[in-house]
Protein backbone atom coordinates (compact mmCIF):
# COMPACT_ATOMS: atom_id res chain seq x y z
CA UNK A 1 123.38 117.67 79.69
CA UNK A 2 121.50 120.96 79.69
CA UNK A 3 120.04 120.14 83.10
CA UNK A 4 123.45 119.58 84.65
CA UNK A 5 124.77 122.86 83.23
CA UNK A 6 121.67 124.70 84.45
CA UNK A 7 122.00 123.13 87.88
CA UNK A 8 125.65 124.13 88.04
CA UNK A 9 124.85 127.73 87.07
CA UNK A 10 121.73 128.07 89.23
CA UNK A 11 123.58 126.54 92.18
CA UNK A 12 126.03 129.45 92.11
CA UNK A 13 123.29 132.06 92.47
CA UNK A 14 123.48 133.69 95.85
CA UNK A 15 120.62 134.97 97.91
CA UNK A 16 118.40 133.67 100.68
CA UNK A 17 117.50 130.42 98.92
CA UNK A 18 119.56 127.25 99.10
CA UNK A 19 121.00 126.04 95.75
CA UNK A 20 118.56 123.10 95.51
CA UNK A 21 115.60 125.42 96.16
CA UNK A 22 116.65 127.72 93.31
CA UNK A 23 117.02 124.74 90.97
CA UNK A 24 113.64 123.24 91.94
CA UNK A 25 111.81 126.57 91.54
CA UNK A 26 113.33 127.22 88.11
CA UNK A 27 112.57 123.72 86.78
CA UNK A 28 109.03 123.85 88.20
CA UNK A 29 108.34 127.22 86.59
CA UNK A 30 109.75 126.01 83.26
CA UNK A 31 107.45 122.97 83.40
CA UNK A 32 104.39 125.13 84.02
CA UNK A 33 105.29 127.46 81.14
CA UNK A 34 105.88 124.64 78.64
CA UNK A 35 102.82 122.54 79.56
CA UNK A 36 100.31 124.55 77.46
CA UNK A 37 102.66 124.35 74.45
CA UNK A 38 102.85 120.57 74.76
CA UNK A 39 99.05 120.39 75.02
CA UNK A 40 98.63 122.44 71.84
CA UNK A 41 101.45 121.03 69.69
CA UNK A 42 101.46 117.28 70.42
CA UNK A 43 98.65 115.39 68.60
CA UNK A 44 96.74 112.52 70.22
CA UNK A 45 96.45 110.52 66.98
CA UNK A 46 97.76 110.61 63.37
CA UNK A 47 94.43 111.97 62.13
CA UNK A 48 94.74 115.14 64.26
CA UNK A 49 98.44 115.81 63.57
CA UNK A 50 98.63 119.28 62.01
CA UNK A 51 102.17 118.70 60.70
CA UNK A 52 101.08 115.74 58.52
CA UNK A 53 99.59 116.14 55.07
CA UNK A 54 96.43 114.22 54.13
CA UNK A 55 98.50 111.62 52.28
CA UNK A 56 100.85 111.19 55.25
CA UNK A 57 97.87 110.74 57.59
CA UNK A 58 96.53 107.99 55.35
CA UNK A 59 99.92 106.25 55.38
CA UNK A 60 100.07 106.49 59.19
CA UNK A 61 96.57 105.04 59.57
CA UNK A 62 97.39 102.21 57.14
CA UNK A 63 100.39 101.34 59.29
CA UNK A 64 97.99 101.03 62.22
CA UNK A 65 95.88 98.71 60.07
CA UNK A 66 98.96 96.60 59.26
CA UNK A 67 99.80 95.99 62.93
CA UNK A 68 96.12 95.66 63.97
CA UNK A 69 96.41 98.25 66.74
CA UNK A 70 93.46 100.37 65.60
CA UNK A 71 92.84 104.06 66.29
CA UNK A 72 91.32 106.07 69.11
CA UNK A 73 87.73 105.35 70.12
CA UNK A 74 85.66 107.16 72.74
CA UNK A 75 83.88 103.97 73.87
CA UNK A 76 85.00 102.59 77.25
CA UNK A 77 84.81 98.78 77.32
CA UNK A 78 84.81 97.08 80.73
CA UNK A 79 85.40 93.72 79.05
CA UNK A 80 88.81 94.99 77.99
CA UNK A 81 89.54 96.10 81.56
CA UNK A 82 88.67 92.61 82.78
CA UNK A 83 90.95 91.09 80.14
CA UNK A 84 93.73 93.41 81.29
CA UNK A 85 93.72 91.87 84.77
CA UNK A 86 93.52 88.33 83.38
CA UNK A 87 96.38 88.90 80.92
CA UNK A 88 99.80 87.68 82.11
CA UNK A 89 101.46 90.39 80.04
CA UNK A 90 99.98 93.07 82.29
CA UNK A 91 101.93 91.76 85.27
CA UNK A 92 105.05 91.36 83.16
CA UNK A 93 104.89 95.00 82.00
CA UNK A 94 104.28 96.18 85.58
CA UNK A 95 107.14 94.09 86.97
CA UNK A 96 109.62 95.13 84.30
CA UNK A 97 108.79 98.85 84.60
CA UNK A 98 109.07 98.66 88.38
CA UNK A 99 112.42 96.85 88.19
CA UNK A 100 113.62 99.44 85.69
CA UNK A 101 112.36 102.49 87.60
CA UNK A 102 113.63 101.50 91.05
CA UNK A 103 117.35 101.79 90.17
CA UNK A 104 116.61 104.79 87.97
CA UNK A 105 114.94 106.63 90.84
CA UNK A 106 117.80 105.91 93.24
CA UNK A 107 120.60 106.84 90.85
CA UNK A 108 118.80 109.94 89.55
CA UNK A 109 118.47 111.32 93.08
CA UNK A 110 121.73 110.07 94.59
CA UNK A 111 123.89 110.16 91.44
CA UNK A 112 125.64 113.41 92.36
CA UNK A 113 126.26 112.10 95.90
CA UNK A 114 127.67 108.86 94.49
CA UNK A 115 130.12 110.88 92.37
CA UNK A 116 130.93 113.09 95.36
CA UNK A 117 131.89 109.92 97.23
CA UNK A 118 134.65 109.36 94.66
CA UNK A 119 136.41 112.45 96.00
CA UNK A 120 134.89 115.32 93.98
CA UNK A 121 133.31 118.48 95.37
CA UNK A 122 129.66 119.52 95.09
CA UNK A 123 129.93 121.47 91.84
CA UNK A 124 132.34 119.07 90.16
CA UNK A 125 129.72 116.34 90.57
CA UNK A 126 127.23 118.43 88.57
CA UNK A 127 129.73 118.88 85.75
CA UNK A 128 130.66 115.19 85.74
CA UNK A 129 126.98 114.39 85.20
CA UNK A 130 127.14 116.04 81.75
CA UNK A 131 129.01 113.12 80.08
CA UNK A 132 126.65 110.77 81.93
CA UNK A 133 123.69 112.54 80.31
CA UNK A 134 125.40 112.59 76.90
CA UNK A 135 125.92 108.84 77.07
CA UNK A 136 122.24 108.40 77.92
CA UNK A 137 121.20 110.31 74.80
CA UNK A 138 123.51 108.16 72.64
CA UNK A 139 122.21 104.96 74.25
CA UNK A 140 118.55 105.87 73.65
CA UNK A 141 119.17 106.69 69.98
CA UNK A 142 121.32 103.62 69.33
CA UNK A 143 118.93 101.23 71.08
CA UNK A 144 116.01 102.58 69.02
CA UNK A 145 117.99 102.26 65.77
CA UNK A 146 119.15 98.72 66.56
CA UNK A 147 115.68 97.49 67.56
CA UNK A 148 114.20 99.01 64.40
CA UNK A 149 116.85 97.32 62.30
CA UNK A 150 116.37 93.94 64.00
CA UNK A 151 112.57 94.27 64.22
CA UNK A 152 113.04 92.88 67.73
CA UNK A 153 112.96 94.44 71.18
CA UNK A 154 114.09 91.68 73.54
CA UNK A 155 117.76 91.37 72.40
CA UNK A 156 118.25 95.12 72.84
CA UNK A 157 116.53 95.17 76.23
CA UNK A 158 118.54 92.18 77.42
CA UNK A 159 121.76 93.86 76.27
CA UNK A 160 120.80 97.09 78.04
CA UNK A 161 120.60 95.24 81.38
CA UNK A 162 124.13 93.84 81.12
CA UNK A 163 126.05 97.14 81.18
CA UNK A 164 124.47 98.52 84.39
CA UNK A 165 124.98 95.12 86.04
CA UNK A 166 128.69 95.40 85.22
CA UNK A 167 128.89 99.05 86.30
CA UNK A 168 127.07 98.53 89.60
CA UNK A 169 129.23 95.46 90.32
CA UNK A 170 132.34 97.59 89.84
CA UNK A 171 131.06 100.30 92.18
CA UNK A 172 130.15 97.63 94.74
CA UNK A 173 133.52 95.85 94.88
CA UNK A 174 135.90 98.79 94.39
CA UNK A 175 137.03 100.82 97.36
CA UNK A 176 136.91 104.59 97.55
CA UNK A 177 140.63 105.27 97.54
CA UNK A 178 141.48 108.53 95.69
CA UNK A 179 143.67 106.51 93.33
CA UNK A 180 140.54 104.66 92.12
CA UNK A 181 138.71 107.89 91.31
CA UNK A 182 138.89 107.47 87.52
CA UNK A 183 137.90 103.78 87.60
CA UNK A 184 134.93 104.57 89.83
CA UNK A 185 133.83 107.36 87.50
CA UNK A 186 134.13 104.96 84.54
CA UNK A 187 131.92 102.41 86.32
CA UNK A 188 129.40 105.14 87.04
CA UNK A 189 129.33 106.14 83.37
CA UNK A 190 128.71 102.49 82.40
CA UNK A 191 125.54 102.69 84.52
CA UNK A 192 124.19 105.32 82.11
CA UNK A 193 123.11 102.54 79.73
CA UNK A 194 120.13 101.76 82.03
CA UNK A 195 118.33 104.88 80.77
CA UNK A 196 117.58 103.13 77.48
CA UNK A 197 115.47 100.50 79.22
CA UNK A 198 112.49 102.65 80.13
CA UNK A 199 111.51 104.01 76.67
CA UNK A 200 112.13 100.58 75.14
CA UNK A 201 109.82 98.93 77.69
CA UNK A 202 107.07 101.50 77.10
CA UNK A 203 107.42 100.92 73.36
CA UNK A 204 107.39 97.13 73.79
CA UNK A 205 104.27 97.23 75.93
CA UNK A 206 102.47 99.58 73.54
CA UNK A 207 103.32 97.51 70.45
CA UNK A 208 101.97 94.35 72.07
CA UNK A 209 98.64 95.73 73.26
CA UNK A 210 95.50 96.32 71.19
CA UNK A 211 92.03 97.52 72.11
CA UNK A 212 91.70 101.21 72.97
CA UNK A 213 90.51 100.74 76.55
CA UNK A 214 93.05 98.01 77.22
CA UNK A 215 95.85 100.11 75.76
CA UNK A 216 94.94 103.08 77.98
CA UNK A 217 94.84 100.88 81.07
CA UNK A 218 98.10 99.15 80.16
CA UNK A 219 99.83 102.51 79.85
CA UNK A 220 98.39 103.51 83.24
CA UNK A 221 99.63 100.28 84.83
CA UNK A 222 103.12 100.85 83.44
CA UNK A 223 103.12 104.47 84.60
CA UNK A 224 102.05 103.43 88.12
CA UNK A 225 104.90 100.89 88.17
CA UNK A 226 107.33 103.60 87.12
CA UNK A 227 106.10 105.98 89.82
CA UNK A 228 106.27 103.33 92.55
CA UNK A 229 109.79 102.38 91.48
CA UNK A 230 110.91 106.01 91.44
CA UNK A 231 109.52 106.47 94.96
CA UNK A 232 111.09 103.33 96.42
CA UNK A 233 114.47 103.69 94.69
CA UNK A 234 115.79 106.75 96.58
CA UNK A 235 114.71 105.22 99.91
CA UNK A 236 117.32 102.47 99.45
CA UNK A 237 120.13 105.02 99.39
CA UNK A 238 120.92 106.77 102.67
CA UNK A 239 123.61 109.33 103.47
CA UNK A 240 124.69 107.17 106.42
CA UNK A 241 125.99 104.60 103.92
CA UNK A 242 128.11 107.13 102.03
CA UNK A 243 130.34 106.78 100.12
CA UNK A 244 129.70 103.07 99.39
CA UNK A 245 125.87 102.89 99.28
CA UNK A 246 126.03 99.09 99.36
CA UNK A 247 122.34 98.59 100.13
CA UNK A 248 121.23 100.72 97.19
CA UNK A 249 123.71 99.15 94.77
CA UNK A 250 122.70 95.65 95.90
CA UNK A 251 119.03 96.45 95.27
CA UNK A 252 119.87 97.88 91.84
CA UNK A 253 121.87 94.77 90.91
CA UNK A 254 119.01 92.48 91.94
CA UNK A 255 116.54 94.57 89.90
CA UNK A 256 118.62 94.49 86.73
CA UNK A 257 119.34 90.76 87.01
CA UNK A 258 115.66 89.91 87.56
CA UNK A 259 114.72 92.30 84.74
CA UNK A 260 117.08 90.46 82.36
CA UNK A 261 115.38 87.17 83.24
CA UNK A 262 111.90 88.66 82.78
CA UNK A 263 112.85 90.06 79.36
CA UNK A 264 113.77 86.55 78.21
CA UNK A 265 110.59 85.09 79.71
CA UNK A 266 108.41 87.78 78.10
CA UNK A 267 109.96 87.18 74.68
CA UNK A 268 109.30 83.43 75.01
CA UNK A 269 105.70 84.09 76.10
CA UNK A 270 105.07 86.45 73.18
CA UNK A 271 106.46 83.82 70.78
CA UNK A 272 103.99 81.34 72.32
CA UNK A 273 101.12 83.78 71.76
CA UNK A 274 102.15 84.24 68.13
CA UNK A 275 102.02 80.47 67.62
CA UNK A 276 98.59 80.36 69.26
CA UNK A 277 97.31 83.10 66.94
CA UNK A 278 98.78 81.26 63.93
CA UNK A 279 96.85 78.14 64.94
CA UNK A 280 93.63 80.21 65.28
CA UNK A 281 94.15 81.70 61.82
CA UNK A 282 94.72 78.21 60.41
CA UNK A 283 91.46 76.94 61.94
CA UNK A 284 89.65 79.96 60.47
CA UNK A 285 90.90 79.07 56.98
CA UNK A 286 93.48 81.86 56.87
CA UNK A 287 97.21 81.70 56.23
CA UNK A 288 99.00 80.72 59.41
CA UNK A 289 101.98 82.96 58.71
CA UNK A 290 101.54 86.67 58.00
CA UNK A 291 104.19 89.36 58.04
CA UNK A 292 103.79 92.61 59.99
CA UNK A 293 104.51 95.32 57.42
CA UNK A 294 103.96 98.31 59.73
CA UNK A 295 107.65 98.92 60.48
CA UNK A 296 108.91 98.53 56.92
CA UNK A 297 109.60 101.15 54.28
CA UNK A 298 106.79 101.93 51.84
CA UNK A 299 108.41 99.88 49.06
CA UNK A 300 109.15 96.83 51.20
CA UNK A 301 105.77 97.07 52.87
CA UNK A 302 104.05 96.90 49.46
CA UNK A 303 106.06 93.80 48.50
CA UNK A 304 105.30 92.06 51.79
CA UNK A 305 101.62 92.96 51.48
CA UNK A 306 101.52 91.18 48.12
CA UNK A 307 103.23 88.19 49.74
CA UNK A 308 100.63 88.13 52.53
CA UNK A 309 97.79 88.26 49.99
CA UNK A 310 99.31 85.39 48.00
CA UNK A 311 99.55 83.32 51.19
CA UNK A 312 95.88 84.00 51.84
CA UNK A 313 94.95 82.86 48.33
CA UNK A 314 96.88 79.61 48.76
CA UNK A 315 94.79 78.88 51.84
CA UNK A 316 91.58 79.61 49.93
CA UNK A 317 90.89 82.75 51.95
CA UNK A 318 89.77 86.14 50.64
CA UNK A 319 92.86 88.44 50.51
CA UNK A 320 90.64 91.49 50.94
CA UNK A 321 89.78 90.26 54.43
CA UNK A 322 93.45 90.52 55.50
CA UNK A 323 93.63 92.82 58.58
CA UNK A 324 89.91 93.50 58.12
CA UNK A 325 89.43 93.57 61.90
CA UNK A 326 92.15 96.16 62.51
CA UNK A 327 89.68 98.97 63.31
CA UNK A 328 87.10 96.87 65.17
CA UNK A 329 88.66 97.77 68.55
CA UNK A 330 89.53 94.16 69.32
CA UNK A 331 92.17 93.34 71.90
CA UNK A 332 95.43 91.65 71.02
CA UNK A 333 94.20 88.39 72.57
CA UNK A 334 90.90 88.31 70.69
CA UNK A 335 92.18 89.37 67.25
CA UNK A 336 93.91 86.37 65.67
CA UNK A 337 95.53 88.66 63.05
CA UNK A 338 97.48 90.52 65.72
CA UNK A 339 101.22 89.79 65.63
CA UNK A 340 103.23 90.26 68.83
CA UNK A 341 106.59 92.01 68.60
CA UNK A 342 109.33 89.98 70.26
């Protein structure tokens, strides 16, 4: 929202520079100025967060123990890098981020031109992007709240693919008659739901990866996929195809449809991995079923922890050994206590 207003205002500045040059220079300078502040303010782990009290840091670390993700370690482990390339999830995260970023890159760059093709002028398109941005903020917040409430990621991700499929389909089949201007703008606004996919996918990948080296590499793989998608996406939209942009919209539709299928496949694969870990715990004399308490409130987490300990006792295991490997820098595949988030 702020960006669209800034672009509208900066675009009206006269002078020797073109409007887009003024916008790019301002945003670039703002990025350079804010970078040191981000470096200083944002912590790299709960233990170094200045805004947390000692008690809050302990709670944050205990949550990491509960989900067996561990904390930062300075030791680089090549075995975890090798596991990364042998892990099917790596290719699923890469594919899903690429399929998410490709449409995002195209629409982010050509969005104003798409709106202009509905019959609006250059500066009206900037203003009409403000509701688009507002919807994106609402979608990100709602998707996070819903996934937290459900304790599941895949239903939210699957739902987030359906709206852009519907919006892109509308833009594809509708003409560009001035009488359809409002319907076309409505379809374009429906596309805004796609913005919720990217943070949810990053969160999903992070929650389902353990081992410090493997986690770093997984994040890098996902970031590379995002960058590649953002580079390829704009290339599928060309001004010669204005105002319909059929090739770009077709590519976006294919990406979102395939992404929806991959979300379902990934959820099924993670469920399979959870069953495999349960069998490993059973063979080790532990309780097959344990509950991840890391996303619960303090009160509910305490109750569930007692339930987990009672389950361990029934199996003849030592309850004190529950999540005892959480800070051993084991990967999600090698730690049988790790629970995958569906």
